[in-house]
Amino acid sequence: MSTGPVLVVSRVDDVTADEVVAELNRRRVPVVRLDPGDFPGSVSVSVRADGELSGTVVTESRSVEVAAVRSVYWRRPSPYAAPRGVGGQDARWCVEEARYGVGGVLAALPGAHYVNHPWRNRDAEYKPAQLALAGRCGFDVPPTLLTNNLDDARAFAREHGPVIYKPLRATDYCDDAGRALTVWVEEVDPGELHEVVGATMHQFQKRVRSVADLRVTAVGEHVFTVRIDGSRGLDWRRHYDALSYALVDTPPALEKAVHAYMDAAGLAFGAFDFGLDAEGRAWWYECNPNGQYAWFPSSITAPIVSAVADQLQYAGEPT
């Protein structure tokens, strides 16, 4: 087993990463935390490529040999940025060179175990690919339409109503004053659909009449299923104060499908969301390859944190 450091790639305000770092510190596992968005201001890189990568990445408080990294916890880094005072095409050039240079180094650390590899995270975020893979892995997937065709959207809503609209990605969205906005899951009526459908891709899905929600967090071979009750609408994220959580046994068929999905997507970590109907059937919503779990009560968060730390400490070996 490698005794090198764990590299945690995330921004400074990532509470989920904080929990894992604290657990690794408790185990006396060396940790280096890095936000690529700090490059080149407070991060420097000097790496040679002579058939294999060697060299150092230096932060304000740490220096790490790239060949010594045992594992990487790839969470939620800040976007790459240009140096202060650089603008226009020069800034764009600097950002892209950083993305493919620093990002390329961090994605190719020799011998490191990734939770998850950034390219696997990226690939796994595409909702159409998720839907197709979910069906192949045996999940129950609600009828779904991906379209920018208004007539098809209206026909789908009439055929499968009630129908909901779901964004294809959690893209940052702000109003004219710069205030952050959230695009929630909403029910749509065929009569409410108009020409704006043609402006881009949209995702419409038959509404699941759920009595509860399930958040299933997979970490390596471990699967943790949390039942969420108390949601007041279509999107339980809007009412955290009204929710209750219970760690429950994972149905064997659901666990089998989760493992199949993780293997097919090349993931070591995944956070799955399902709607549970009155008959106890779990309907697929999505898999977030980098989902949160630190908001759960500590009795639920602690075993997930421990499983993630095991993946990083033992570099993916069974524990």
C-alpha atoms as a PDB file:
ATOM      1  CA  MET A   1       0.000   0.000   0.000  1.00  0.00           C
ATOM      2  CA  SER A   2       1.293   3.462  -0.893  1.00  0.00           C
ATOM      3  CA  THR A   3       2.175   5.763   1.992  1.00  0.00           C
ATOM      4  CA  GLY A   4       2.092   8.892  -0.171  1.00  0.00           C
ATOM      5  CA  PRO A   5      -0.360  11.726   0.345  1.00  0.00           C
ATOM      6  CA  VAL A   6      -3.996  11.938  -0.642  1.00  0.00           C
ATOM      7  CA  LEU A   7      -4.621  14.861  -2.982  1.00  0.00           C
ATOM      8  CA  VAL A   8      -7.958  16.601  -2.378  1.00  0.00           C
ATOM      9  CA  VAL A   9      -8.927  18.733  -5.368  1.00  0.00           C
ATOM     10  CA  SER A  10     -11.636  21.204  -4.387  1.00  0.00           C
ATOM     11  CA  ARG A  11     -12.444  24.777  -3.488  1.00  0.00           C
ATOM     12  CA  VAL A  12     -11.916  26.108   0.012  1.00  0.00           C
ATOM     13  CA  ASP A  13     -15.637  26.246   0.937  1.00  0.00           C
ATOM     14  CA  ASP A  14     -16.406  22.589   0.170  1.00  0.00           C
ATOM     15  CA  VAL A  15     -17.927  21.250   3.406  1.00  0.00           C
ATOM     16  CA  THR A  16     -18.111  17.694   2.073  1.00  0.00           C
ATOM     17  CA  ALA A  17     -14.384  17.682   1.339  1.00  0.00           C
ATOM     18  CA  ASP A  18     -13.791  19.138   4.821  1.00  0.00           C
ATOM     19  CA  GLU A  19     -15.443  16.088   6.395  1.00  0.00           C
ATOM     20  CA  VAL A  20     -13.239  13.664   4.475  1.00  0.00           C
ATOM     21  CA  VAL A  21     -10.067  15.658   5.165  1.00  0.00           C
ATOM     22  CA  ALA A  22     -10.885  15.636   8.891  1.00  0.00           C
ATOM     23  CA  GLU A  23     -11.317  11.851   8.814  1.00  0.00           C
ATOM     24  CA  LEU A  24      -8.027  11.360   6.954  1.00  0.00           C
ATOM     25  CA  ASN A  25      -6.289  13.632   9.461  1.00  0.00           C
ATOM     26  CA  ARG A  26      -7.740  11.573  12.300  1.00  0.00           C
ATOM     27  CA  ARG A  27      -6.218   8.482  10.664  1.00  0.00           C
ATOM     28  CA  ARG A  28      -2.888  10.319  10.267  1.00  0.00           C
ATOM     29  CA  VAL A  29      -3.020   9.961   6.483  1.00  0.00           C
ATOM     30  CA  PRO A  30      -1.065  12.800   4.824  1.00  0.00           C
ATOM     31  CA  VAL A  31      -3.309  15.144   2.833  1.00  0.00           C
ATOM     32  CA  VAL A  32      -2.562  17.892   0.323  1.00  0.00           C
ATOM     33  CA  ARG A  33      -5.486  20.129  -0.602  1.00  0.00           C
ATOM     34  CA  LEU A  34      -5.404  21.940  -3.912  1.00  0.00           C
ATOM     35  CA  ASP A  35      -7.770  24.189  -5.846  1.00  0.00           C
ATOM     36  CA  PRO A  36      -6.684  24.423  -9.506  1.00  0.00           C
ATOM     37  CA  GLY A  37      -8.541  27.737  -9.652  1.00  0.00           C
ATOM     38  CA  ASP A  38      -5.717  29.179  -7.513  1.00  0.00           C
ATOM     39  CA  PHE A  39      -3.266  28.632 -10.387  1.00  0.00           C
ATOM     40  CA  PRO A  40      -1.117  30.562 -11.157  1.00  0.00           C
ATOM     41  CA  GLY A  41      -1.644  32.934  -8.217  1.00  0.00           C
ATOM     42  CA  SER A  42      -0.777  30.647  -5.301  1.00  0.00           C
ATOM     43  CA  VAL A  43      -0.169  27.346  -7.092  1.00  0.00           C
ATOM     44  CA  SER A  44       2.843  26.486  -9.221  1.00  0.00           C
ATOM     45  CA  VAL A  45       3.571  23.378 -11.264  1.00  0.00           C
ATOM     46  CA  SER A  46       6.853  21.994 -12.573  1.00  0.00           C
ATOM     47  CA  VAL A  47       6.524  18.542 -14.121  1.00  0.00           C
ATOM     48  CA  ARG A  48       8.680  16.587 -16.548  1.00  0.00           C
ATOM     49  CA  ALA A  49       7.228  14.088 -19.016  1.00  0.00           C
ATOM     50  CA  ASP A  50       9.923  11.507 -19.805  1.00  0.00           C
ATOM     51  CA  GLY A  51       7.711   8.527 -20.523  1.00  0.00           C
ATOM     52  CA  GLU A  52       6.104   9.124 -17.120  1.00  0.00           C
ATOM     53  CA  LEU A  53       5.256  12.259 -15.176  1.00  0.00           C
ATOM     54  CA  SER A  54       7.568  13.449 -12.416  1.00  0.00           C
ATOM     55  CA  GLY A  55       7.925  16.742 -10.594  1.00  0.00           C
ATOM     56  CA  THR A  56       6.057  18.881  -8.107  1.00  0.00           C
ATOM     57  CA  VAL A  57       2.875  20.801  -7.530  1.00  0.00           C
ATOM     58  CA  VAL A  58       3.282  23.526  -4.907  1.00  0.00           C
ATOM     59  CA  THR A  59       0.537  25.348  -2.977  1.00  0.00           C
ATOM     60  CA  GLU A  60       0.870  28.087  -0.359  1.00  0.00           C
ATOM     61  CA  SER A  61       1.408  25.518   2.380  1.00  0.00           C
ATOM     62  CA  ARG A  62       2.329  22.205   0.726  1.00  0.00           C
ATOM     63  CA  SER A  63       4.531  20.665  -1.947  1.00  0.00           C
ATOM     64  CA  VAL A  64       3.673  17.290  -3.453  1.00  0.00           C
ATOM     65  CA  GLU A  65       5.612  14.991  -5.755  1.00  0.00           C
ATOM     66  CA  VAL A  66       3.173  13.943  -8.463  1.00  0.00           C
ATOM     67  CA  ALA A  67       4.554  10.393  -8.591  1.00  0.00           C
ATOM     68  CA  ALA A  68       4.017   9.970  -4.827  1.00  0.00           C
ATOM     69  CA  VAL A  69       0.254  10.689  -4.740  1.00  0.00           C
ATOM     70  CA  ARG A  70      -1.599   7.568  -3.626  1.00  0.00           C
ATOM     71  CA  SER A  71      -5.122   8.772  -4.435  1.00  0.00           C
ATOM     72  CA  VAL A  72      -7.097  11.792  -5.563  1.00  0.00           C
ATOM     73  CA  TYR A  73     -10.441  12.978  -4.178  1.00  0.00           C
ATOM     74  CA  TRP A  74     -11.765  15.070  -7.062  1.00  0.00           C
ATOM     75  CA  ARG A  75     -14.542  17.213  -5.679  1.00  0.00           C
ATOM     76  CA  ARG A  76     -15.558  20.687  -6.823  1.00  0.00           C
ATOM     77  CA  PRO A  77     -12.599  22.841  -7.877  1.00  0.00           C
ATOM     78  CA  SER A  78     -12.987  26.479  -8.858  1.00  0.00           C
ATOM     79  CA  PRO A  79     -12.811  27.373 -12.555  1.00  0.00           C
ATOM     80  CA  TYR A  80      -9.388  28.094 -14.002  1.00  0.00           C
ATOM     81  CA  ALA A  81      -8.606  31.811 -14.087  1.00  0.00           C
ATOM     82  CA  ALA A  82      -6.190  34.158 -15.812  1.00  0.00           C
ATOM     83  CA  PRO A  83      -3.659  36.213 -13.814  1.00  0.00           C
ATOM     84  CA  ARG A  84      -4.855  39.582 -12.535  1.00  0.00           C
ATOM     85  CA  GLY A  85      -4.626  42.320 -15.105  1.00  0.00           C
ATOM     86  CA  VAL A  86      -4.831  39.932 -18.057  1.00  0.00           C
ATOM     87  CA  GLY A  87      -7.966  40.260 -20.190  1.00  0.00           C
ATOM     88  CA  GLY A  88      -9.509  39.566 -23.570  1.00  0.00           C
ATOM     89  CA  GLN A  89      -8.014  36.887 -25.790  1.00  0.00           C
ATOM     90  CA  ASP A  90      -4.886  36.767 -23.615  1.00  0.00           C
ATOM     91  CA  ALA A  91      -7.012  35.753 -20.625  1.00  0.00           C
ATOM     92  CA  ARG A  92      -8.820  33.106 -22.644  1.00  0.00           C
ATOM     93  CA  TRP A  93      -5.487  31.718 -23.813  1.00  0.00           C
ATOM     94  CA  CYS A  94      -4.137  31.546 -20.258  1.00  0.00           C
ATOM     95  CA  VAL A  95      -7.259  29.805 -18.968  1.00  0.00           C
ATOM     96  CA  GLU A  96      -7.257  27.151 -21.684  1.00  0.00           C
ATOM     97  CA  GLU A  97      -3.524  26.500 -21.325  1.00  0.00           C
ATOM     98  CA  ALA A  98      -4.048  26.079 -17.575  1.00  0.00           C
ATOM     99  CA  ARG A  99      -7.000  23.749 -18.115  1.00  0.00           C
ATOM    100  CA  TYR A 100      -5.136  21.446 -20.448  1.00  0.00           C
ATOM    101  CA  GLY A 101      -1.759  21.810 -18.723  1.00  0.00           C
ATOM    102  CA  VAL A 102      -2.505  21.760 -14.987  1.00  0.00           C
ATOM    103  CA  GLY A 103      -5.702  19.758 -15.553  1.00  0.00           C
ATOM    104  CA  GLY A 104      -3.813  17.308 -17.741  1.00  0.00           C
ATOM    105  CA  VAL A 105      -1.185  16.754 -15.058  1.00  0.00           C
ATOM    106  CA  LEU A 106      -3.745  16.268 -12.294  1.00  0.00           C
ATOM    107  CA  ALA A 107      -5.648  13.764 -14.445  1.00  0.00           C
ATOM    108  CA  ALA A 108      -2.561  11.664 -15.190  1.00  0.00           C
ATOM    109  CA  LEU A 109      -0.899  11.142 -11.810  1.00  0.00           C
ATOM    110  CA  PRO A 110       0.986   7.837 -12.140  1.00  0.00           C
ATOM    111  CA  GLY A 111      -0.434   5.100  -9.951  1.00  0.00           C
ATOM    112  CA  ALA A 112      -3.050   7.270  -8.236  1.00  0.00           C
ATOM    113  CA  HIS A 113      -6.549   5.987  -7.478  1.00  0.00           C
ATOM    114  CA  TYR A 114      -9.234   8.556  -8.354  1.00  0.00           C
ATOM    115  CA  VAL A 115     -12.539   9.162  -6.565  1.00  0.00           C
ATOM    116  CA  ASN A 116     -13.605   9.950  -9.252  1.00  0.00           C
ATOM    117  CA  HIS A 117     -11.335  10.613 -12.189  1.00  0.00           C
ATOM    118  CA  PRO A 118     -12.307  14.082 -13.496  1.00  0.00           C
ATOM    119  CA  TRP A 119     -12.946  12.753 -16.981  1.00  0.00           C
ATOM    120  CA  ARG A 120     -15.265  10.064 -15.606  1.00  0.00           C
ATOM    121  CA  ASN A 121     -17.096  12.770 -13.644  1.00  0.00           C
ATOM    122  CA  ARG A 122     -17.453  14.855 -16.794  1.00  0.00           C
ATOM    123  CA  ASP A 123     -18.712  11.964 -18.924  1.00  0.00           C
ATOM    124  CA  ALA A 124     -21.130  10.773 -16.226  1.00  0.00           C
ATOM    125  CA  GLU A 125     -22.843  14.173 -15.974  1.00  0.00           C
ATOM    126  CA  TYR A 126     -24.513  13.939 -19.401  1.00  0.00           C
ATOM    127  CA  LYS A 127     -28.182  13.196 -18.691  1.00  0.00           C
ATOM    128  CA  PRO A 128     -28.977  11.439 -22.002  1.00  0.00           C
ATOM    129  CA  ALA A 129     -26.086   9.043 -21.403  1.00  0.00           C
ATOM    130  CA  GLN A 130     -27.308   8.508 -17.826  1.00  0.00           C
ATOM    131  CA  LEU A 131     -30.813   7.652 -19.009  1.00  0.00           C
ATOM    132  CA  ALA A 132     -29.580   5.167 -21.594  1.00  0.00           C
ATOM    133  CA  LEU A 133     -27.167   3.489 -19.171  1.00  0.00           C
ATOM    134  CA  ALA A 134     -29.781   3.378 -16.406  1.00  0.00           C
ATOM    135  CA  GLY A 135     -32.135   1.444 -18.643  1.00  0.00           C
ATOM    136  CA  ARG A 136     -29.419  -1.032 -19.598  1.00  0.00           C
ATOM    137  CA  CYS A 137     -28.513  -1.578 -15.946  1.00  0.00           C
ATOM    138  CA  GLY A 138     -32.060  -2.509 -14.957  1.00  0.00           C
ATOM    139  CA  PHE A 139     -33.404   0.663 -13.324  1.00  0.00           C
ATOM    140  CA  ASP A 140     -37.024   1.725 -13.793  1.00  0.00           C
ATOM    141  CA  VAL A 141     -36.806   4.917 -15.857  1.00  0.00           C
ATOM    142  CA  PRO A 142     -39.865   7.186 -16.305  1.00  0.00           C
ATOM    143  CA  PRO A 143     -40.803   8.024 -19.925  1.00  0.00           C
ATOM    144  CA  THR A 144     -38.546  10.918 -20.929  1.00  0.00           C
ATOM    145  CA  LEU A 145     -38.298  13.261 -23.920  1.00  0.00           C
ATOM    146  CA  LEU A 146     -35.215  15.275 -24.882  1.00  0.00           C
ATOM    147  CA  THR A 147     -36.123  17.835 -27.509  1.00  0.00           C
ATOM    148  CA  ASN A 148     -36.181  21.385 -28.844  1.00  0.00           C
ATOM    149  CA  ASN A 149     -39.288  20.626 -30.949  1.00  0.00           C
ATOM    150  CA  LEU A 150     -42.375  22.396 -29.585  1.00  0.00           C
ATOM    151  CA  ASP A 151     -44.917  20.095 -31.240  1.00  0.00           C
ATOM    152  CA  ASP A 152     -43.184  16.991 -29.912  1.00  0.00           C
ATOM    153  CA  ALA A 153     -42.990  18.509 -26.421  1.00  0.00           C
ATOM    154  CA  ARG A 154     -46.708  19.270 -26.410  1.00  0.00           C
ATOM    155  CA  ALA A 155     -47.578  15.803 -27.713  1.00  0.00           C
ATOM    156  CA  PHE A 156     -45.420  14.163 -25.048  1.00  0.00           C
ATOM    157  CA  ALA A 157     -47.050  16.252 -22.309  1.00  0.00           C
ATOM    158  CA  ARG A 158     -50.529  15.287 -23.523  1.00  0.00           C
ATOM    159  CA  GLU A 159     -49.609  11.598 -23.757  1.00  0.00           C
ATOM    160  CA  HIS A 160     -47.786  11.255 -20.430  1.00  0.00           C
ATOM    161  CA  GLY A 161     -49.185  14.061 -18.308  1.00  0.00           C
ATOM    162  CA  PRO A 162     -48.594  15.126 -15.676  1.00  0.00           C
ATOM    163  CA  VAL A 163     -45.140  15.942 -17.021  1.00  0.00           C
ATOM    164  CA  ILE A 164     -42.243  17.757 -15.378  1.00  0.00           C
ATOM    165  CA  TYR A 165     -39.414  19.849 -16.785  1.00  0.00           C
ATOM    166  CA  LYS A 166     -35.887  19.130 -15.505  1.00  0.00           C
ATOM    167  CA  PRO A 167     -32.733  21.046 -16.451  1.00  0.00           C
ATOM    168  CA  LEU A 168     -30.078  18.935 -18.126  1.00  0.00           C
ATOM    169  CA  ARG A 169     -27.301  20.417 -16.009  1.00  0.00           C
ATOM    170  CA  ALA A 170     -26.955  22.482 -12.831  1.00  0.00           C
ATOM    171  CA  THR A 171     -25.532  25.427 -14.754  1.00  0.00           C
ATOM    172  CA  ASP A 172     -24.824  28.677 -12.890  1.00  0.00           C
ATOM    173  CA  TYR A 173     -27.653  31.110 -13.628  1.00  0.00           C
ATOM    174  CA  CYS A 174     -27.966  34.720 -12.458  1.00  0.00           C
ATOM    175  CA  ASP A 175     -30.427  37.588 -12.843  1.00  0.00           C
ATOM    176  CA  ASP A 176     -29.512  41.049 -14.184  1.00  0.00           C
ATOM    177  CA  ALA A 177     -28.302  42.073 -10.726  1.00  0.00           C
ATOM    178  CA  GLY A 178     -25.934  39.117 -10.522  1.00  0.00           C
ATOM    179  CA  ARG A 179     -27.972  37.222  -7.935  1.00  0.00           C
ATOM    180  CA  ALA A 180     -27.723  33.444  -8.226  1.00  0.00           C
ATOM    181  CA  LEU A 181     -30.913  31.721  -9.353  1.00  0.00           C
ATOM    182  CA  THR A 182     -31.912  28.055  -9.289  1.00  0.00           C
ATOM    183  CA  VAL A 183     -33.862  26.331 -12.056  1.00  0.00           C
ATOM    184  CA  TRP A 184     -36.119  23.930 -10.149  1.00  0.00           C
ATOM    185  CA  VAL A 185     -37.940  20.830 -11.289  1.00  0.00           C
ATOM    186  CA  GLU A 186     -41.436  22.024 -12.257  1.00  0.00           C
ATOM    187  CA  GLU A 187     -44.642  20.481 -13.595  1.00  0.00           C
ATOM    188  CA  VAL A 188     -45.639  21.772 -17.035  1.00  0.00           C
ATOM    189  CA  ASP A 189     -48.939  21.942 -18.860  1.00  0.00           C
ATOM    190  CA  PRO A 190     -49.059  21.443 -22.654  1.00  0.00           C
ATOM    191  CA  GLY A 191     -50.735  24.830 -22.996  1.00  0.00           C
ATOM    192  CA  GLU A 192     -47.853  26.549 -21.202  1.00  0.00           C
ATOM    193  CA  LEU A 193     -45.279  25.370 -23.713  1.00  0.00           C
ATOM    194  CA  HIS A 194     -44.365  27.969 -26.348  1.00  0.00           C
ATOM    195  CA  GLU A 195     -41.720  28.954 -28.860  1.00  0.00           C
ATOM    196  CA  VAL A 196     -38.916  29.191 -26.283  1.00  0.00           C
ATOM    197  CA  VAL A 197     -38.742  25.375 -26.383  1.00  0.00           C
ATOM    198  CA  GLY A 198     -37.033  25.783 -29.734  1.00  0.00           C
ATOM    199  CA  ALA A 199     -34.186  27.841 -28.256  1.00  0.00           C
ATOM    200  CA  THR A 200     -32.263  24.887 -26.794  1.00  0.00           C
ATOM    201  CA  MET A 201     -32.579  21.317 -25.569  1.00  0.00           C
ATOM    202  CA  HIS A 202     -35.143  20.524 -22.900  1.00  0.00           C
ATOM    203  CA  GLN A 203     -35.823  17.465 -20.773  1.00  0.00           C
ATOM    204  CA  PHE A 204     -39.438  16.487 -20.097  1.00  0.00           C
ATOM    205  CA  GLN A 205     -40.369  13.483 -17.996  1.00  0.00           C
ATOM    206  CA  LYS A 206     -43.517  11.752 -16.803  1.00  0.00           C
ATOM    207  CA  ARG A 207     -44.085  12.752 -13.185  1.00  0.00           C
ATOM    208  CA  VAL A 208     -43.548  10.030 -10.604  1.00  0.00           C
ATOM    209  CA  ARG A 209     -46.274   9.964  -7.967  1.00  0.00           C
ATOM    210  CA  SER A 210     -43.821   9.450  -5.138  1.00  0.00           C
ATOM    211  CA  VAL A 211     -44.525   8.943  -1.450  1.00  0.00           C
ATOM    212  CA  ALA A 212     -40.853   9.412  -0.521  1.00  0.00           C
ATOM    213  CA  ASP A 213     -37.456   9.883  -2.129  1.00  0.00           C
ATOM    214  CA  LEU A 214     -34.339   7.751  -1.966  1.00  0.00           C
ATOM    215  CA  ARG A 215     -30.764   9.030  -2.042  1.00  0.00           C
ATOM    216  CA  VAL A 216     -28.474   6.080  -2.698  1.00  0.00           C
ATOM    217  CA  THR A 217     -24.763   6.793  -2.210  1.00  0.00           C
ATOM    218  CA  ALA A 218     -22.354   4.218  -3.621  1.00  0.00           C
ATOM    219  CA  VAL A 219     -18.713   4.212  -2.520  1.00  0.00           C
ATOM    220  CA  GLY A 220     -16.747   1.345  -4.008  1.00  0.00           C
ATOM    221  CA  GLU A 221     -18.533  -1.825  -2.905  1.00  0.00           C
ATOM    222  CA  HIS A 222     -20.540  -0.008  -0.219  1.00  0.00           C
ATOM    223  CA  VAL A 223     -24.092   1.215  -0.868  1.00  0.00           C
ATOM    224  CA  PHE A 224     -25.901   3.526   1.565  1.00  0.00           C
ATOM    225  CA  THR A 225     -29.617   4.147   1.032  1.00  0.00           C
ATOM    226  CA  VAL A 226     -31.347   7.047   2.742  1.00  0.00           C
ATOM    227  CA  ARG A 227     -35.124   7.431   2.693  1.00  0.00           C
ATOM    228  CA  ILE A 228     -36.191  11.081   2.566  1.00  0.00           C
ATOM    229  CA  ASP A 229     -39.658  11.986   3.819  1.00  0.00           C
ATOM    230  CA  GLY A 230     -41.451  15.312   4.172  1.00  0.00           C
ATOM    231  CA  SER A 231     -40.974  16.801   0.716  1.00  0.00           C
ATOM    232  CA  ARG A 232     -43.656  19.416  -0.023  1.00  0.00           C
ATOM    233  CA  GLY A 233     -43.303  19.399  -3.779  1.00  0.00           C
ATOM    234  CA  LEU A 234     -41.505  18.050  -6.801  1.00  0.00           C
ATOM    235  CA  ASP A 235     -38.003  19.033  -5.720  1.00  0.00           C
ATOM    236  CA  TRP A 236     -37.075  18.105  -2.137  1.00  0.00           C
ATOM    237  CA  ARG A 237     -34.052  20.437  -2.259  1.00  0.00           C
ATOM    238  CA  ARG A 238     -36.453  23.381  -1.842  1.00  0.00           C
ATOM    239  CA  HIS A 239     -37.573  22.361   1.661  1.00  0.00           C
ATOM    240  CA  TYR A 240     -34.600  21.012   3.632  1.00  0.00           C
ATOM    241  CA  ASP A 241     -36.135  22.222   6.900  1.00  0.00           C
ATOM    242  CA  ALA A 242     -39.172  19.954   6.437  1.00  0.00           C
ATOM    243  CA  LEU A 243     -37.271  16.750   5.597  1.00  0.00           C
ATOM    244  CA  SER A 244     -36.513  13.702   7.685  1.00  0.00           C
ATOM    245  CA  TYR A 245     -33.904  11.069   6.883  1.00  0.00           C
ATOM    246  CA  ALA A 246     -33.566   7.379   7.688  1.00  0.00           C
ATOM    247  CA  LEU A 247     -30.801   4.986   6.685  1.00  0.00           C
ATOM    248  CA  VAL A 248     -32.588   1.912   5.303  1.00  0.00           C
ATOM    249  CA  ASP A 249     -31.631  -1.436   3.794  1.00  0.00           C
ATOM    250  CA  THR A 250     -30.990  -1.295   0.057  1.00  0.00           C
ATOM    251  CA  PRO A 251     -33.300  -3.618  -1.924  1.00  0.00           C
ATOM    252  CA  PRO A 252     -31.104  -6.336  -3.515  1.00  0.00           C
ATOM    253  CA  ALA A 253     -32.287  -5.601  -7.072  1.00  0.00           C
ATOM    254  CA  LEU A 254     -31.568  -1.907  -6.635  1.00  0.00           C
ATOM    255  CA  GLU A 255     -28.101  -2.591  -5.216  1.00  0.00           C
ATOM    256  CA  LYS A 256     -27.306  -4.910  -8.129  1.00  0.00           C
ATOM    257  CA  ALA A 257     -28.314  -2.218 -10.625  1.00  0.00           C
ATOM    258  CA  VAL A 258     -26.253   0.405  -8.758  1.00  0.00           C
ATOM    259  CA  HIS A 259     -23.115  -1.755  -8.934  1.00  0.00           C
ATOM    260  CA  ALA A 260     -23.724  -2.433 -12.634  1.00  0.00           C
ATOM    261  CA  TYR A 261     -24.058   1.285 -13.306  1.00  0.00           C
ATOM    262  CA  MET A 262     -20.927   2.176 -11.326  1.00  0.00           C
ATOM    263  CA  ASP A 263     -18.875  -0.436 -13.165  1.00  0.00           C
ATOM    264  CA  ALA A 264     -20.150   0.633 -16.585  1.00  0.00           C
ATOM    265  CA  ALA A 265     -19.524   4.333 -15.878  1.00  0.00           C
ATOM    266  CA  GLY A 266     -16.087   3.742 -14.315  1.00  0.00           C
ATOM    267  CA  LEU A 267     -17.053   5.415 -11.039  1.00  0.00           C
ATOM    268  CA  ALA A 268     -15.781   4.842  -7.510  1.00  0.00           C
ATOM    269  CA  PHE A 269     -18.432   7.201  -6.072  1.00  0.00           C
ATOM    270  CA  GLY A 270     -21.969   8.023  -7.167  1.00  0.00           C
ATOM    271  CA  ALA A 271     -25.028   9.652  -5.591  1.00  0.00           C
ATOM    272  CA  PHE A 272     -28.283   8.302  -7.068  1.00  0.00           C
ATOM    273  CA  ASP A 273     -31.743   9.849  -6.690  1.00  0.00           C
ATOM    274  CA  PHE A 274     -34.996   7.900  -6.962  1.00  0.00           C
ATOM    275  CA  GLY A 275     -38.689   8.530  -6.403  1.00  0.00           C
ATOM    276  CA  LEU A 276     -40.429   5.826  -4.363  1.00  0.00           C
ATOM    277  CA  ASP A 277     -44.053   5.221  -5.376  1.00  0.00           C
ATOM    278  CA  ALA A 278     -46.877   3.790  -3.267  1.00  0.00           C
ATOM    279  CA  GLU A 279     -46.107   0.249  -4.485  1.00  0.00           C
ATOM    280  CA  GLY A 280     -42.501   0.533  -3.297  1.00  0.00           C
ATOM    281  CA  ARG A 281     -41.075   0.853  -6.798  1.00  0.00           C
ATOM    282  CA  ALA A 282     -37.973   3.056  -7.062  1.00  0.00           C
ATOM    283  CA  TRP A 283     -37.986   5.252 -10.176  1.00  0.00           C
ATOM    284  CA  TRP A 284     -34.726   6.558 -11.580  1.00  0.00           C
ATOM    285  CA  TYR A 285     -34.087  10.299 -11.473  1.00  0.00           C
ATOM    286  CA  GLU A 286     -30.331  10.707 -11.905  1.00  0.00           C
ATOM    287  CA  CYS A 287     -26.836   9.817 -10.772  1.00  0.00           C
ATOM    288  CA  ASN A 288     -24.622  12.676  -9.617  1.00  0.00           C
ATOM    289  CA  PRO A 289     -21.023  11.411  -9.860  1.00  0.00           C
ATOM    290  CA  ASN A 290     -19.969  14.077  -7.360  1.00  0.00           C
ATOM    291  CA  GLY A 291     -23.026  14.424  -5.153  1.00  0.00           C
ATOM    292  CA  GLN A 292     -23.184  15.949  -1.676  1.00  0.00           C
ATOM    293  CA  TYR A 293     -23.775  14.028   1.531  1.00  0.00           C
ATOM    294  CA  ALA A 294     -22.499  16.259   4.335  1.00  0.00           C
ATOM    295  CA  TRP A 295     -25.937  17.762   4.982  1.00  0.00           C
ATOM    296  CA  PHE A 296     -27.273  14.472   6.365  1.00  0.00           C
ATOM    297  CA  PRO A 297     -27.355  13.944  10.134  1.00  0.00           C
ATOM    298  CA  SER A 298     -23.959  12.822  11.435  1.00  0.00           C
ATOM    299  CA  SER A 299     -25.212   9.281  12.022  1.00  0.00           C
ATOM    300  CA  ILE A 300     -25.716   8.967   8.245  1.00  0.00           C
ATOM    301  CA  THR A 301     -22.828  11.124   7.072  1.00  0.00           C
ATOM    302  CA  ALA A 302     -20.201   9.379   9.235  1.00  0.00           C
ATOM    303  CA  PRO A 303     -20.286   5.931   7.548  1.00  0.00           C
ATOM    304  CA  ILE A 304     -20.232   7.530   4.086  1.00  0.00           C
ATOM    305  CA  VAL A 305     -17.245   9.696   5.046  1.00  0.00           C
ATOM    306  CA  SER A 306     -15.508   6.599   6.442  1.00  0.00           C
ATOM    307  CA  ALA A 307     -16.106   4.669   3.210  1.00  0.00           C
ATOM    308  CA  VAL A 308     -14.730   7.532   1.091  1.00  0.00           C
ATOM    309  CA  ALA A 309     -11.686   7.792   3.372  1.00  0.00           C
ATOM    310  CA  ASP A 310     -11.141   4.041   3.006  1.00  0.00           C
ATOM    311  CA  GLN A 311     -11.141   4.412  -0.785  1.00  0.00           C
ATOM    312  CA  LEU A 312      -8.527   7.138  -0.549  1.00  0.00           C
ATOM    313  CA  GLN A 313      -6.389   5.638   2.205  1.00  0.00           C
ATOM    314  CA  TYR A 314      -6.269   2.144   0.748  1.00  0.00           C
ATOM    315  CA  ALA A 315      -6.233   3.358  -2.882  1.00  0.00           C
ATOM    316  CA  GLY A 316      -9.344   1.485  -3.918  1.00  0.00           C
ATOM    317  CA  GLU A 317      -8.388  -1.878  -2.405  1.00  0.00           C
ATOM    318  CA  PRO A 318     -11.179  -3.841  -0.675  1.00  0.00           C
ATOM    319  CA  THR A 319     -11.344  -2.997   3.029  1.00  0.00           C
END
